[in-house]
Amino acid sequence: TTSPMGGTMRLGEYECETKEGSNLRAAYDSKIIY
């Protein structure tokens, strides 16, 4: 909580695994998205 805000955020592209049958999977039509 005391870390400087500028350098402690999760920034940039990350891999995400989508759940079958979800709105997310239906939207991307892919198990893995970035």
Full PDB file with SEQRES, HELIX, SHEET, SSBOND, CRYST1, ORIGX, SCALE, CONECT and MASTER records, all heavy atoms in Angstrom:
SEQRES   1 A   34  THR THR SER PRO MET GLY GLY THR MET ARG LEU GLY GLU          
SEQRES   2 A   34  TYR GLU CYS GLU THR LYS GLU GLY SER ASN LEU ARG ALA          
SEQRES   3 A   34  ALA TYR ASP SER LYS ILE ILE TYR                              
HELIX    1 AA1 MET A    5  GLY A    7  5                                   3    
HELIX    2 AA2 ASN A   23  TYR A   28  1                                   6    
SHEET    1 AA1 2 CYS A  16  GLU A  17  0                                        
SHEET    2 AA1 2 ILE A  32  ILE A  33 -1                                        
CRYST1    1.000    1.000    1.000  90.00  90.00  90.00 P 1           1          
ORIGX1      1.000000  0.000000  0.000000        0.00000                         
ORIGX2      0.000000  1.000000  0.000000        0.00000                         
ORIGX3      0.000000  0.000000  1.000000        0.00000                         
SCALE1      1.000000  0.000000  0.000000        0.00000                         
SCALE2      0.000000  1.000000  0.000000        0.00000                         
SCALE3      0.000000  0.000000  1.000000        0.00000                         
ATOM      1  N   THR A   1       0.827  -1.221   0.000  1.00  0.00           N  
ATOM      2  CA  THR A   1       0.000   0.000   0.000  1.00  0.00           C  
ATOM      3  C   THR A   1       0.853   1.259   0.000  1.00  0.00           C  
ATOM      4  O   THR A   1       0.377   2.338  -0.322  1.00  0.00           O  
ATOM      5  CB  THR A   1      -0.934   0.024   1.224  1.00  0.00           C  
ATOM      6  OG1 THR A   1      -0.147  -0.210   2.392  1.00  0.00           O  
ATOM      7  CG2 THR A   1      -2.004  -1.032   1.113  1.00  0.00           C  
ATOM      8  N   THR A   2       2.129   1.133   0.369  1.00  0.00           N  
ATOM      9  CA  THR A   2       3.000   2.318   0.392  1.00  0.00           C  
ATOM     10  C   THR A   2       3.893   2.409  -0.845  1.00  0.00           C  
ATOM     11  O   THR A   2       4.679   3.344  -0.971  1.00  0.00           O  
ATOM     12  CB  THR A   2       3.892   2.318   1.653  1.00  0.00           C  
ATOM     13  OG1 THR A   2       4.668   1.108   1.672  1.00  0.00           O  
ATOM     14  CG2 THR A   2       3.038   2.386   2.916  1.00  0.00           C  
ATOM     15  N   SER A   3       3.780   1.444  -1.762  1.00  0.00           N  
ATOM     16  CA  SER A   3       4.600   1.499  -2.984  1.00  0.00           C  
ATOM     17  C   SER A   3       4.179   2.687  -3.832  1.00  0.00           C  
ATOM     18  O   SER A   3       3.004   3.053  -3.868  1.00  0.00           O  
ATOM     19  CB  SER A   3       4.422   0.224  -3.810  1.00  0.00           C  
ATOM     20  OG  SER A   3       4.809  -0.916  -3.074  1.00  0.00           O  
ATOM     21  N   PRO A   4       5.125   3.313  -4.568  1.00  0.00           N  
ATOM     22  CA  PRO A   4       4.750   4.419  -5.447  1.00  0.00           C  
ATOM     23  C   PRO A   4       3.801   3.933  -6.533  1.00  0.00           C  
ATOM     24  O   PRO A   4       3.979   2.856  -7.092  1.00  0.00           O  
ATOM     25  CB  PRO A   4       6.081   4.889  -6.041  1.00  0.00           C  
ATOM     26  CG  PRO A   4       7.058   3.793  -5.778  1.00  0.00           C  
ATOM     27  CD  PRO A   4       6.572   3.037  -4.604  1.00  0.00           C  
ATOM     28  N   MET A   5       2.768   4.733  -6.808  1.00  0.00           N  
ATOM     29  CA  MET A   5       1.716   4.301  -7.729  1.00  0.00           C  
ATOM     30  C   MET A   5       2.242   4.036  -9.134  1.00  0.00           C  
ATOM     31  O   MET A   5       1.802   3.123  -9.821  1.00  0.00           O  
ATOM     32  CB  MET A   5       0.607   5.360  -7.789  1.00  0.00           C  
ATOM     33  CG  MET A   5      -0.623   4.899  -8.554  1.00  0.00           C  
ATOM     34  SD  MET A   5      -1.991   6.049  -8.400  1.00  0.00           S  
ATOM     35  CE  MET A   5      -2.483   5.765  -6.718  1.00  0.00           C  
ATOM     36  N   GLY A   6       3.221   4.837  -9.585  1.00  0.00           N  
ATOM     37  CA  GLY A   6       3.679   4.726 -10.963  1.00  0.00           C  
ATOM     38  C   GLY A   6       4.327   3.413 -11.318  1.00  0.00           C  
ATOM     39  O   GLY A   6       4.280   2.996 -12.459  1.00  0.00           O  
ATOM     40  N   GLY A   7       4.928   2.710 -10.320  1.00  0.00           N  
ATOM     41  CA  GLY A   7       5.700   1.535 -10.679  1.00  0.00           C  
ATOM     42  C   GLY A   7       5.138   0.215 -10.197  1.00  0.00           C  
ATOM     43  O   GLY A   7       5.814  -0.799 -10.274  1.00  0.00           O  
ATOM     44  N   THR A   8       3.916   0.198  -9.649  1.00  0.00           N  
ATOM     45  CA  THR A   8       3.430  -1.025  -9.018  1.00  0.00           C  
ATOM     46  C   THR A   8       2.153  -1.554  -9.647  1.00  0.00           C  
ATOM     47  O   THR A   8       1.489  -2.406  -9.082  1.00  0.00           O  
ATOM     48  CB  THR A   8       3.171  -0.777  -7.524  1.00  0.00           C  
ATOM     49  OG1 THR A   8       2.232   0.296  -7.400  1.00  0.00           O  
ATOM     50  CG2 THR A   8       4.444  -0.419  -6.796  1.00  0.00           C  
ATOM     51  N   MET A   9       1.788  -1.090 -10.802  1.00  0.00           N  
ATOM     52  CA  MET A   9       0.573  -1.561 -11.439  1.00  0.00           C  
ATOM     53  C   MET A   9       0.854  -2.755 -12.348  1.00  0.00           C  
ATOM     54  O   MET A   9       1.952  -2.912 -12.865  1.00  0.00           O  
ATOM     55  CB  MET A   9      -0.082  -0.430 -12.236  1.00  0.00           C  
ATOM     56  CG  MET A   9      -0.703   0.623 -11.346  1.00  0.00           C  
ATOM     57  SD  MET A   9      -1.827   1.700 -12.223  1.00  0.00           S  
ATOM     58  CE  MET A   9      -0.680   2.746 -13.056  1.00  0.00           C  
ATOM     59  N   ARG A  10      -0.173  -3.576 -12.517  1.00  0.00           N  
ATOM     60  CA  ARG A  10      -0.079  -4.636 -13.514  1.00  0.00           C  
ATOM     61  C   ARG A  10      -0.364  -3.961 -14.850  1.00  0.00           C  
ATOM     62  O   ARG A  10      -1.484  -3.506 -15.097  1.00  0.00           O  
ATOM     63  CB  ARG A  10      -1.087  -5.739 -13.192  1.00  0.00           C  
ATOM     64  CG  ARG A  10      -0.916  -6.981 -14.054  1.00  0.00           C  
ATOM     65  CD  ARG A  10      -1.238  -8.273 -13.293  1.00  0.00           C  
ATOM     66  NE  ARG A  10      -2.629  -8.482 -12.980  1.00  0.00           N  
ATOM     67  CZ  ARG A  10      -3.461  -9.259 -13.697  1.00  0.00           C  
ATOM     68  NH1 ARG A  10      -3.034  -9.846 -14.800  1.00  0.00           N  
ATOM     69  NH2 ARG A  10      -4.705  -9.432 -13.315  1.00  0.00           N  
ATOM     70  N   LEU A  11       0.651  -3.894 -15.683  1.00  0.00           N  
ATOM     71  CA  LEU A  11       0.561  -3.123 -16.927  1.00  0.00           C  
ATOM     72  C   LEU A  11       0.847  -4.005 -18.135  1.00  0.00           C  
ATOM     73  O   LEU A  11       1.709  -4.879 -18.097  1.00  0.00           O  
ATOM     74  CB  LEU A  11       1.572  -1.972 -16.918  1.00  0.00           C  
ATOM     75  CG  LEU A  11       1.270  -0.770 -16.033  1.00  0.00           C  
ATOM     76  CD1 LEU A  11       2.507   0.099 -15.885  1.00  0.00           C  
ATOM     77  CD2 LEU A  11       0.133   0.057 -16.634  1.00  0.00           C  
ATOM     78  N   GLY A  12       0.137  -3.745 -19.217  1.00  0.00           N  
ATOM     79  CA  GLY A  12       0.441  -4.416 -20.474  1.00  0.00           C  
ATOM     80  C   GLY A  12      -0.388  -5.669 -20.701  1.00  0.00           C  
ATOM     81  O   GLY A  12      -1.361  -5.948 -20.008  1.00  0.00           O  
ATOM     82  N   GLU A  13       0.039  -6.445 -21.686  1.00  0.00           N  
ATOM     83  CA  GLU A  13      -0.731  -7.583 -22.168  1.00  0.00           C  
ATOM     84  C   GLU A  13      -0.483  -8.839 -21.327  1.00  0.00           C  
ATOM     85  O   GLU A  13       0.657  -9.197 -21.054  1.00  0.00           O  
ATOM     86  CB  GLU A  13      -0.333  -7.860 -23.619  1.00  0.00           C  
ATOM     87  CG  GLU A  13      -1.127  -8.935 -24.314  1.00  0.00           C  
ATOM     88  CD  GLU A  13      -0.647  -9.119 -25.745  1.00  0.00           C  
ATOM     89  OE1 GLU A  13       0.306  -9.900 -25.932  1.00  0.00           O  
ATOM     90  OE2 GLU A  13      -1.195  -8.469 -26.654  1.00  0.00           O  
ATOM     91  N   TYR A  14      -1.567  -9.505 -20.933  1.00  0.00           N  
ATOM     92  CA  TYR A  14      -1.476 -10.761 -20.201  1.00  0.00           C  
ATOM     93  C   TYR A  14      -2.386 -11.799 -20.864  1.00  0.00           C  
ATOM     94  O   TYR A  14      -3.420 -11.447 -21.444  1.00  0.00           O  
ATOM     95  CB  TYR A  14      -1.906 -10.591 -18.737  1.00  0.00           C  
ATOM     96  CG  TYR A  14      -0.890  -9.898 -17.880  1.00  0.00           C  
ATOM     97  CD1 TYR A  14      -0.793  -8.501 -17.878  1.00  0.00           C  
ATOM     98  CD2 TYR A  14      -0.018 -10.609 -17.066  1.00  0.00           C  
ATOM     99  CE1 TYR A  14       0.140  -7.848 -17.102  1.00  0.00           C  
ATOM    100  CE2 TYR A  14       0.926  -9.963 -16.279  1.00  0.00           C  
ATOM    101  CZ  TYR A  14       0.995  -8.584 -16.301  1.00  0.00           C  
ATOM    102  OH  TYR A  14       1.924  -7.944 -15.521  1.00  0.00           O  
ATOM    103  N   GLU A  15      -1.978 -13.055 -20.738  1.00  0.00           N  
ATOM    104  CA  GLU A  15      -2.798 -14.151 -21.249  1.00  0.00           C  
ATOM    105  C   GLU A  15      -3.961 -14.399 -20.302  1.00  0.00           C  
ATOM    106  O   GLU A  15      -3.827 -14.317 -19.087  1.00  0.00           O  
ATOM    107  CB  GLU A  15      -1.916 -15.401 -21.358  1.00  0.00           C  
ATOM    108  CG  GLU A  15      -2.612 -16.619 -21.914  1.00  0.00           C  
ATOM    109  CD  GLU A  15      -1.684 -17.820 -21.952  1.00  0.00           C  
ATOM    110  OE1 GLU A  15      -0.818 -17.879 -22.848  1.00  0.00           O  
ATOM    111  OE2 GLU A  15      -1.816 -18.706 -21.074  1.00  0.00           O  
ATOM    112  N   CYS A  16      -5.123 -14.717 -20.861  1.00  0.00           N  
ATOM    113  CA  CYS A  16      -6.306 -15.015 -20.057  1.00  0.00           C  
ATOM    114  C   CYS A  16      -6.976 -16.262 -20.625  1.00  0.00           C  
ATOM    115  O   CYS A  16      -7.193 -16.366 -21.833  1.00  0.00           O  
ATOM    116  CB  CYS A  16      -7.280 -13.832 -20.081  1.00  0.00           C  
ATOM    117  SG  CYS A  16      -8.900 -14.180 -19.354  1.00  0.00           S  
ATOM    118  N   GLU A  17      -7.302 -17.198 -19.734  1.00  0.00           N  
ATOM    119  CA  GLU A  17      -8.010 -18.411 -20.155  1.00  0.00           C  
ATOM    120  C   GLU A  17      -9.500 -18.217 -19.911  1.00  0.00           C  
ATOM    121  O   GLU A  17      -9.923 -17.869 -18.808  1.00  0.00           O  
ATOM    122  CB  GLU A  17      -7.493 -19.624 -19.374  1.00  0.00           C  
ATOM    123  CG  GLU A  17      -8.090 -20.931 -19.850  1.00  0.00           C  
ATOM    124  CD  GLU A  17      -7.473 -22.152 -19.189  1.00  0.00           C  
ATOM    125  OE1 GLU A  17      -6.355 -22.031 -18.641  1.00  0.00           O  
ATOM    126  OE2 GLU A  17      -8.121 -23.219 -19.217  1.00  0.00           O  
ATOM    127  N   THR A  18     -10.294 -18.427 -20.949  1.00  0.00           N  
ATOM    128  CA  THR A  18     -11.739 -18.208 -20.856  1.00  0.00           C  
ATOM    129  C   THR A  18     -12.460 -19.520 -20.548  1.00  0.00           C  
ATOM    130  O   THR A  18     -12.017 -20.599 -20.944  1.00  0.00           O  
ATOM    131  CB  THR A  18     -12.292 -17.626 -22.166  1.00  0.00           C  
ATOM    132  OG1 THR A  18     -12.134 -18.583 -23.225  1.00  0.00           O  
ATOM    133  CG2 THR A  18     -11.566 -16.354 -22.554  1.00  0.00           C  
ATOM    134  N   LYS A  19     -13.590 -19.424 -19.857  1.00  0.00           N  
ATOM    135  CA  LYS A  19     -14.362 -20.604 -19.455  1.00  0.00           C  
ATOM    136  C   LYS A  19     -15.373 -20.974 -20.526  1.00  0.00           C  
ATOM    137  O   LYS A  19     -16.080 -20.115 -21.055  1.00  0.00           O  
ATOM    138  CB  LYS A  19     -15.081 -20.308 -18.138  1.00  0.00           C  
ATOM    139  CG  LYS A  19     -15.818 -21.508 -17.555  1.00  0.00           C  
ATOM    140  CD  LYS A  19     -16.413 -21.167 -16.201  1.00  0.00           C  
ATOM    141  CE  LYS A  19     -17.132 -22.370 -15.599  1.00  0.00           C  
ATOM    142  NZ  LYS A  19     -17.701 -22.060 -14.277  1.00  0.00           N  
ATOM    143  N   GLU A  20     -15.430 -22.267 -20.808  1.00  0.00           N  
ATOM    144  CA  GLU A  20     -16.369 -22.741 -21.830  1.00  0.00           C  
ATOM    145  C   GLU A  20     -17.804 -22.439 -21.414  1.00  0.00           C  
ATOM    146  O   GLU A  20     -18.173 -22.556 -20.254  1.00  0.00           O  
ATOM    147  CB  GLU A  20     -16.187 -24.256 -22.020  1.00  0.00           C  
ATOM    148  CG  GLU A  20     -16.891 -24.788 -23.252  1.00  0.00           C  
ATOM    149  CD  GLU A  20     -16.535 -26.230 -23.558  1.00  0.00           C  
ATOM    150  OE1 GLU A  20     -15.567 -26.748 -22.966  1.00  0.00           O  
ATOM    151  OE2 GLU A  20     -17.214 -26.826 -24.392  1.00  0.00           O  
ATOM    152  N   GLY A  21     -18.618 -21.996 -22.380  1.00  0.00           N  
ATOM    153  CA  GLY A  21     -20.017 -21.690 -22.113  1.00  0.00           C  
ATOM    154  C   GLY A  21     -20.270 -20.294 -21.577  1.00  0.00           C  
ATOM    155  O   GLY A  21     -21.419 -19.909 -21.329  1.00  0.00           O  
ATOM    156  N   SER A  22     -19.207 -19.512 -21.396  1.00  0.00           N  
ATOM    157  CA  SER A  22     -19.352 -18.164 -20.833  1.00  0.00           C  
ATOM    158  C   SER A  22     -19.582 -17.118 -21.927  1.00  0.00           C  
ATOM    159  O   SER A  22     -19.336 -17.357 -23.113  1.00  0.00           O  
ATOM    160  CB  SER A  22     -18.094 -17.792 -20.038  1.00  0.00           C  
ATOM    161  OG  SER A  22     -16.965 -17.723 -20.907  1.00  0.00           O  
ATOM    162  N   ASN A  23     -20.048 -15.934 -21.508  1.00  0.00           N  
ATOM    163  CA  ASN A  23     -20.158 -14.794 -22.429  1.00  0.00           C  
ATOM    164  C   ASN A  23     -18.789 -14.431 -22.988  1.00  0.00           C  
ATOM    165  O   ASN A  23     -18.660 -14.044 -24.148  1.00  0.00           O  
ATOM    166  CB  ASN A  23     -20.748 -13.572 -21.707  1.00  0.00           C  
ATOM    167  CG  ASN A  23     -22.195 -13.756 -21.316  1.00  0.00           C  
ATOM    168  OD1 ASN A  23     -22.943 -14.439 -22.002  1.00  0.00           O  
ATOM    169  ND2 ASN A  23     -22.596 -13.161 -20.200  1.00  0.00           N  
ATOM    170  N   LEU A  24     -17.763 -14.553 -22.129  1.00  0.00           N  
ATOM    171  CA  LEU A  24     -16.398 -14.204 -22.537  1.00  0.00           C  
ATOM    172  C   LEU A  24     -15.920 -15.131 -23.654  1.00  0.00           C  
ATOM    173  O   LEU A  24     -15.395 -14.678 -24.666  1.00  0.00           O  
ATOM    174  CB  LEU A  24     -15.463 -14.295 -21.325  1.00  0.00           C  
ATOM    175  CG  LEU A  24     -14.054 -13.736 -21.498  1.00  0.00           C  
ATOM    176  CD1 LEU A  24     -14.083 -12.227 -21.705  1.00  0.00           C  
ATOM    177  CD2 LEU A  24     -13.184 -14.082 -20.298  1.00  0.00           C  
ATOM    178  N   ARG A  25     -16.127 -16.462 -23.466  1.00  0.00           N  
ATOM    179  CA  ARG A  25     -15.707 -17.408 -24.496  1.00  0.00           C  
ATOM    180  C   ARG A  25     -16.502 -17.184 -25.792  1.00  0.00           C  
ATOM    181  O   ARG A  25     -15.934 -17.220 -26.888  1.00  0.00           O  
ATOM    182  CB  ARG A  25     -15.919 -18.845 -23.989  1.00  0.00           C  
ATOM    183  CG  ARG A  25     -15.723 -19.942 -25.043  1.00  0.00           C  
ATOM    184  CD  ARG A  25     -14.270 -20.122 -25.437  1.00  0.00           C  
ATOM    185  NE  ARG A  25     -13.462 -20.666 -24.361  1.00  0.00           N  
ATOM    186  CZ  ARG A  25     -13.294 -21.981 -24.110  1.00  0.00           C  
ATOM    187  NH1 ARG A  25     -13.891 -22.879 -24.864  1.00  0.00           N  
ATOM    188  NH2 ARG A  25     -12.519 -22.359 -23.115  1.00  0.00           N  
ATOM    189  N   ALA A  26     -17.805 -16.922 -25.666  1.00  0.00           N  
ATOM    190  CA  ALA A  26     -18.641 -16.698 -26.851  1.00  0.00           C  
ATOM    191  C   ALA A  26     -18.191 -15.448 -27.608  1.00  0.00           C  
ATOM    192  O   ALA A  26     -18.177 -15.434 -28.845  1.00  0.00           O  
ATOM    193  CB  ALA A  26     -20.105 -16.567 -26.437  1.00  0.00           C  
ATOM    194  N   ALA A  27     -17.792 -14.417 -26.861  1.00  0.00           N  
ATOM    195  CA  ALA A  27     -17.380 -13.157 -27.504  1.00  0.00           C  
ATOM    196  C   ALA A  27     -16.102 -13.347 -28.309  1.00  0.00           C  
ATOM    197  O   ALA A  27     -16.007 -12.901 -29.457  1.00  0.00           O  
ATOM    198  CB  ALA A  27     -17.180 -12.072 -26.444  1.00  0.00           C  
ATOM    199  N   TYR A  28     -15.114 -14.016 -27.732  1.00  0.00           N  
ATOM    200  CA  TYR A  28     -13.798 -14.143 -28.372  1.00  0.00           C  
ATOM    201  C   TYR A  28     -13.663 -15.401 -29.212  1.00  0.00           C  
ATOM    202  O   TYR A  28     -12.765 -15.495 -30.048  1.00  0.00           O  
ATOM    203  CB  TYR A  28     -12.692 -14.124 -27.309  1.00  0.00           C  
ATOM    204  CG  TYR A  28     -12.461 -12.778 -26.689  1.00  0.00           C  
ATOM    205  CD1 TYR A  28     -13.233 -12.338 -25.619  1.00  0.00           C  
ATOM    206  CD2 TYR A  28     -11.461 -11.931 -27.153  1.00  0.00           C  
ATOM    207  CE1 TYR A  28     -13.021 -11.094 -25.026  1.00  0.00           C  
ATOM    208  CE2 TYR A  28     -11.230 -10.689 -26.569  1.00  0.00           C  
ATOM    209  CZ  TYR A  28     -12.019 -10.283 -25.507  1.00  0.00           C  
ATOM    210  OH  TYR A  28     -11.804  -9.047 -24.935  1.00  0.00           O  
ATOM    211  N   ASP A  29     -14.544 -16.381 -28.949  1.00  0.00           N  
ATOM    212  CA  ASP A  29     -14.478 -17.673 -29.647  1.00  0.00           C  
ATOM    213  C   ASP A  29     -13.077 -18.270 -29.554  1.00  0.00           C  
ATOM    214  O   ASP A  29     -12.516 -18.757 -30.538  1.00  0.00           O  
ATOM    215  CB  ASP A  29     -14.907 -17.513 -31.116  1.00  0.00           C  
ATOM    216  CG  ASP A  29     -15.123 -18.868 -31.800  1.00  0.00           C  
ATOM    217  OD1 ASP A  29     -15.405 -19.844 -31.079  1.00  0.00           O  
ATOM    218  OD2 ASP A  29     -14.973 -18.950 -33.034  1.00  0.00           O  
ATOM    219  N   SER A  30     -12.497 -18.171 -28.364  1.00  0.00           N  
ATOM    220  CA  SER A  30     -11.136 -18.665 -28.168  1.00  0.00           C  
ATOM    221  C   SER A  30     -10.920 -19.019 -26.700  1.00  0.00           C  
ATOM    222  O   SER A  30     -11.402 -18.313 -25.809  1.00  0.00           O  
ATOM    223  CB  SER A  30     -10.121 -17.602 -28.586  1.00  0.00           C  
ATOM    224  OG  SER A  30      -8.801 -18.059 -28.370  1.00  0.00           O  
ATOM    225  N   LYS A  31     -10.200 -20.119 -26.461  1.00  0.00           N  
ATOM    226  CA  LYS A  31      -9.915 -20.526 -25.091  1.00  0.00           C  
ATOM    227  C   LYS A  31      -8.908 -19.582 -24.440  1.00  0.00           C  
ATOM    228  O   LYS A  31      -9.015 -19.243 -23.262  1.00  0.00           O  
ATOM    229  CB  LYS A  31      -9.370 -21.960 -25.073  1.00  0.00           C  
ATOM    230  CG  LYS A  31      -9.107 -22.488 -23.670  1.00  0.00           C  
ATOM    231  CD  LYS A  31      -8.571 -23.916 -23.694  1.00  0.00           C  
ATOM    232  CE  LYS A  31      -8.304 -24.405 -22.263  1.00  0.00           C  
ATOM    233  NZ  LYS A  31      -7.758 -25.783 -22.243  1.00  0.00           N  
ATOM    234  N   ILE A  32      -7.913 -19.138 -25.216  1.00  0.00           N  
ATOM    235  CA  ILE A  32      -6.876 -18.234 -24.711  1.00  0.00           C  
ATOM    236  C   ILE A  32      -6.985 -16.886 -25.417  1.00  0.00           C  
ATOM    237  O   ILE A  32      -7.048 -16.828 -26.653  1.00  0.00           O  
ATOM    238  CB  ILE A  32      -5.458 -18.814 -24.932  1.00  0.00           C  
ATOM    239  CG1 ILE A  32      -5.318 -20.181 -24.249  1.00  0.00           C  
ATOM    240  CG2 ILE A  32      -4.394 -17.835 -24.437  1.00  0.00           C  
ATOM    241  CD1 ILE A  32      -5.390 -20.154 -22.740  1.00  0.00           C  
ATOM    242  N   ILE A  33      -7.039 -15.818 -24.650  1.00  0.00           N  
ATOM    243  CA  ILE A  33      -7.080 -14.466 -25.227  1.00  0.00           C  
ATOM    244  C   ILE A  33      -5.972 -13.629 -24.594  1.00  0.00           C  
ATOM    245  O   ILE A  33      -5.407 -14.000 -23.558  1.00  0.00           O  
ATOM    246  CB  ILE A  33      -8.457 -13.779 -25.019  1.00  0.00           C  
ATOM    247  CG1 ILE A  33      -8.747 -13.580 -23.517  1.00  0.00           C  
ATOM    248  CG2 ILE A  33      -9.564 -14.578 -25.690  1.00  0.00           C  
ATOM    249  CD1 ILE A  33      -9.994 -12.763 -23.227  1.00  0.00           C  
ATOM    250  N   TYR A  34      -5.668 -12.488 -25.216  1.00  0.00           N  
ATOM    251  CA  TYR A  34      -4.632 -11.584 -24.705  1.00  0.00           C  
ATOM    252  C   TYR A  34      -5.207 -10.180 -24.644  1.00  0.00           C  
ATOM    253  O   TYR A  34      -5.662  -9.642 -25.660  1.00  0.00           O  
ATOM    254  CB  TYR A  34      -3.385 -11.611 -25.613  1.00  0.00           C  
ATOM    255  CG  TYR A  34      -2.709 -12.960 -25.645  1.00  0.00           C  
ATOM    256  CD1 TYR A  34      -3.105 -13.938 -26.556  1.00  0.00           C  
ATOM    257  CD2 TYR A  34      -1.687 -13.265 -24.744  1.00  0.00           C  
ATOM    258  CE1 TYR A  34      -2.504 -15.190 -26.579  1.00  0.00           C  
ATOM    259  CE2 TYR A  34      -1.074 -14.508 -24.753  1.00  0.00           C  
ATOM    260  CZ  TYR A  34      -1.484 -15.474 -25.666  1.00  0.00           C  
ATOM    261  OH  TYR A  34      -0.889 -16.698 -25.678  1.00  0.00           O  
TER     262      TYR A  34                                                      
MASTER        0    0    0    2    2    0    0    6  261    1    0    3          
END                                                                             
